[in-house]
Amino acid sequence: MSHNDNNSMQMLSLEQKHTLVHAIAEDSGLNLDYYGFLEILLGMLEDIPGFEIDKPKVKVLNEMWRIYEEMKTQ
Protein backbone atom coordinates (compact mmCIF):
# COMPACT_ATOMS: atom_id res chain seq x y z
CA MET A 1 0.00 0.00 0.00
CA SER A 2 1.38 3.38 -0.90
CA HIS A 3 1.72 6.29 1.48
CA ASN A 4 -1.12 8.10 -0.32
CA ASP A 5 -3.50 5.15 0.13
CA ASN A 6 -2.79 5.18 3.84
CA ASN A 7 -3.79 8.84 4.05
CA SER A 8 -7.04 8.54 2.05
CA MET A 9 -9.30 8.61 5.07
CA GLN A 10 -7.39 11.45 6.68
CA MET A 11 -8.00 13.51 3.52
CA LEU A 12 -11.79 13.26 3.70
CA SER A 13 -13.39 16.68 3.89
CA LEU A 14 -15.62 17.50 6.82
CA GLU A 15 -18.59 17.41 4.44
CA GLN A 16 -17.62 13.90 3.26
CA LYS A 17 -17.30 12.73 6.86
CA HIS A 18 -20.76 14.11 7.63
CA THR A 19 -22.18 12.40 4.53
CA LEU A 20 -20.79 9.01 5.60
CA VAL A 21 -22.02 9.44 9.17
CA HIS A 22 -25.49 10.49 7.98
CA ALA A 23 -25.64 7.41 5.74
CA ILE A 24 -24.87 5.21 8.75
CA ALA A 25 -27.53 6.96 10.82
CA GLU A 26 -30.13 6.58 8.06
CA ASP A 27 -29.40 2.88 7.59
CA SER A 28 -28.77 1.84 11.19
CA GLY A 29 -30.38 4.48 13.37
CA LEU A 30 -28.83 6.41 16.22
CA ASN A 31 -28.59 3.62 18.77
CA LEU A 32 -25.24 2.13 17.77
CA ASP A 33 -22.47 1.87 20.30
CA TYR A 34 -18.93 2.90 19.38
CA TYR A 35 -17.89 -0.53 18.14
CA GLY A 36 -21.07 -1.09 16.16
CA PHE A 37 -20.58 2.29 14.51
CA LEU A 38 -16.94 1.53 13.66
CA GLU A 39 -17.83 -1.86 12.22
CA ILE A 40 -20.35 -0.30 9.85
CA LEU A 41 -18.06 2.62 8.97
CA LEU A 42 -15.10 0.38 8.18
CA GLY A 43 -17.36 -1.91 6.14
CA MET A 44 -18.57 1.07 4.12
CA LEU A 45 -15.03 2.28 3.50
CA GLU A 46 -13.97 -1.15 2.22
CA ASP A 47 -16.58 -0.77 -0.53
CA ILE A 48 -15.36 2.66 -1.68
CA PRO A 49 -12.49 2.60 -4.19
CA GLY A 50 -9.44 4.28 -2.71
CA PHE A 51 -10.47 3.62 0.88
CA GLU A 52 -9.38 0.03 1.22
CA ILE A 53 -7.19 0.94 4.16
CA ASP A 54 -5.56 -1.28 6.74
CA LYS A 55 -5.21 1.00 9.73
CA PRO A 56 -7.29 4.18 9.70
CA LYS A 57 -6.16 6.81 12.17
CA VAL A 58 -8.02 6.59 15.47
CA LYS A 59 -8.26 10.39 15.48
CA VAL A 60 -10.35 10.38 12.28
CA LEU A 61 -12.55 7.51 13.46
CA ASN A 62 -13.18 9.32 16.74
CA GLU A 63 -14.02 12.53 14.87
CA MET A 64 -16.64 10.66 12.87
CA TRP A 65 -17.98 9.05 16.07
CA ARG A 66 -18.38 12.55 17.59
CA ILE A 67 -20.38 13.62 14.52
CA TYR A 68 -22.64 10.59 15.03
CA GLU A 69 -23.02 11.32 18.75
CA GLU A 70 -23.90 14.96 18.01
CA MET A 71 -26.70 13.78 15.72
CA LYS A 72 -28.35 12.14 18.73
CA THR A 73 -28.80 15.51 20.43
CA GLN A 74 -30.34 17.29 17.43
C-alpha atoms as a PDB file:
ATOM      1  CA  MET A   1       0.000   0.000   0.000  1.00  0.00           C
ATOM      2  CA  SER A   2       1.379   3.376  -0.903  1.00  0.00           C
ATOM      3  CA  HIS A   3       1.718   6.291   1.478  1.00  0.00           C
ATOM      4  CA  ASN A   4      -1.125   8.102  -0.317  1.00  0.00           C
ATOM      5  CA  ASP A   5      -3.498   5.151   0.125  1.00  0.00           C
ATOM      6  CA  ASN A   6      -2.789   5.178   3.843  1.00  0.00           C
ATOM      7  CA  ASN A   7      -3.791   8.844   4.047  1.00  0.00           C
ATOM      8  CA  SER A   8      -7.038   8.544   2.045  1.00  0.00           C
ATOM      9  CA  MET A   9      -9.296   8.613   5.066  1.00  0.00           C
ATOM     10  CA  GLN A  10      -7.391  11.451   6.681  1.00  0.00           C
ATOM     11  CA  MET A  11      -8.002  13.506   3.520  1.00  0.00           C
ATOM     12  CA  LEU A  12     -11.789  13.264   3.701  1.00  0.00           C
ATOM     13  CA  SER A  13     -13.386  16.681   3.887  1.00  0.00           C
ATOM     14  CA  LEU A  14     -15.620  17.498   6.819  1.00  0.00           C
ATOM     15  CA  GLU A  15     -18.587  17.405   4.436  1.00  0.00           C
ATOM     16  CA  GLN A  16     -17.616  13.898   3.255  1.00  0.00           C
ATOM     17  CA  LYS A  17     -17.304  12.726   6.861  1.00  0.00           C
ATOM     18  CA  HIS A  18     -20.759  14.112   7.634  1.00  0.00           C
ATOM     19  CA  THR A  19     -22.176  12.401   4.534  1.00  0.00           C
ATOM     20  CA  LEU A  20     -20.788   9.009   5.599  1.00  0.00           C
ATOM     21  CA  VAL A  21     -22.016   9.435   9.169  1.00  0.00           C
ATOM     22  CA  HIS A  22     -25.488  10.494   7.985  1.00  0.00           C
ATOM     23  CA  ALA A  23     -25.645   7.410   5.740  1.00  0.00           C
ATOM     24  CA  ILE A  24     -24.866   5.215   8.748  1.00  0.00           C
ATOM     25  CA  ALA A  25     -27.531   6.956  10.824  1.00  0.00           C
ATOM     26  CA  GLU A  26     -30.132   6.576   8.062  1.00  0.00           C
ATOM     27  CA  ASP A  27     -29.400   2.880   7.592  1.00  0.00           C
ATOM     28  CA  SER A  28     -28.774   1.844  11.187  1.00  0.00           C
ATOM     29  CA  GLY A  29     -30.383   4.479  13.371  1.00  0.00           C
ATOM     30  CA  LEU A  30     -28.829   6.412  16.218  1.00  0.00           C
ATOM     31  CA  ASN A  31     -28.590   3.616  18.773  1.00  0.00           C
ATOM     32  CA  LEU A  32     -25.239   2.127  17.769  1.00  0.00           C
ATOM     33  CA  ASP A  33     -22.469   1.869  20.297  1.00  0.00           C
ATOM     34  CA  TYR A  34     -18.928   2.903  19.375  1.00  0.00           C
ATOM     35  CA  TYR A  35     -17.885  -0.529  18.143  1.00  0.00           C
ATOM     36  CA  GLY A  36     -21.066  -1.091  16.156  1.00  0.00           C
ATOM     37  CA  PHE A  37     -20.583   2.291  14.513  1.00  0.00           C
ATOM     38  CA  LEU A  38     -16.944   1.526  13.655  1.00  0.00           C
ATOM     39  CA  GLU A  39     -17.834  -1.864  12.217  1.00  0.00           C
ATOM     40  CA  ILE A  40     -20.354  -0.300   9.852  1.00  0.00           C
ATOM     41  CA  LEU A  41     -18.062   2.623   8.966  1.00  0.00           C
ATOM     42  CA  LEU A  42     -15.105   0.384   8.182  1.00  0.00           C
ATOM     43  CA  GLY A  43     -17.361  -1.908   6.143  1.00  0.00           C
ATOM     44  CA  MET A  44     -18.565   1.073   4.120  1.00  0.00           C
ATOM     45  CA  LEU A  45     -15.033   2.276   3.496  1.00  0.00           C
ATOM     46  CA  GLU A  46     -13.975  -1.150   2.219  1.00  0.00           C
ATOM     47  CA  ASP A  47     -16.584  -0.767  -0.529  1.00  0.00           C
ATOM     48  CA  ILE A  48     -15.357   2.663  -1.675  1.00  0.00           C
ATOM     49  CA  PRO A  49     -12.490   2.601  -4.188  1.00  0.00           C
ATOM     50  CA  GLY A  50      -9.441   4.282  -2.710  1.00  0.00           C
ATOM     51  CA  PHE A  51     -10.474   3.618   0.882  1.00  0.00           C
ATOM     52  CA  GLU A  52      -9.378   0.027   1.224  1.00  0.00           C
ATOM     53  CA  ILE A  53      -7.191   0.942   4.157  1.00  0.00           C
ATOM     54  CA  ASP A  54      -5.561  -1.281   6.739  1.00  0.00           C
ATOM     55  CA  LYS A  55      -5.207   1.001   9.734  1.00  0.00           C
ATOM     56  CA  PRO A  56      -7.290   4.176   9.700  1.00  0.00           C
ATOM     57  CA  LYS A  57      -6.162   6.813  12.166  1.00  0.00           C
ATOM     58  CA  VAL A  58      -8.019   6.594  15.466  1.00  0.00           C
ATOM     59  CA  LYS A  59      -8.265  10.395  15.481  1.00  0.00           C
ATOM     60  CA  VAL A  60     -10.347  10.379  12.284  1.00  0.00           C
ATOM     61  CA  LEU A  61     -12.550   7.509  13.465  1.00  0.00           C
ATOM     62  CA  ASN A  62     -13.179   9.321  16.737  1.00  0.00           C
ATOM     63  CA  GLU A  63     -14.020  12.525  14.872  1.00  0.00           C
ATOM     64  CA  MET A  64     -16.642  10.660  12.871  1.00  0.00           C
ATOM     65  CA  TRP A  65     -17.980   9.046  16.070  1.00  0.00           C
ATOM     66  CA  ARG A  66     -18.377  12.545  17.588  1.00  0.00           C
ATOM     67  CA  ILE A  67     -20.376  13.622  14.520  1.00  0.00           C
ATOM     68  CA  TYR A  68     -22.637  10.594  15.026  1.00  0.00           C
ATOM     69  CA  GLU A  69     -23.018  11.320  18.749  1.00  0.00           C
ATOM     70  CA  GLU A  70     -23.904  14.958  18.011  1.00  0.00           C
ATOM     71  CA  MET A  71     -26.698  13.784  15.725  1.00  0.00           C
ATOM     72  CA  LYS A  72     -28.355  12.145  18.727  1.00  0.00           C
ATOM     73  CA  THR A  73     -28.804  15.508  20.431  1.00  0.00           C
ATOM     74  CA  GLN A  74     -30.341  17.289  17.433  1.00  0.00           C
END
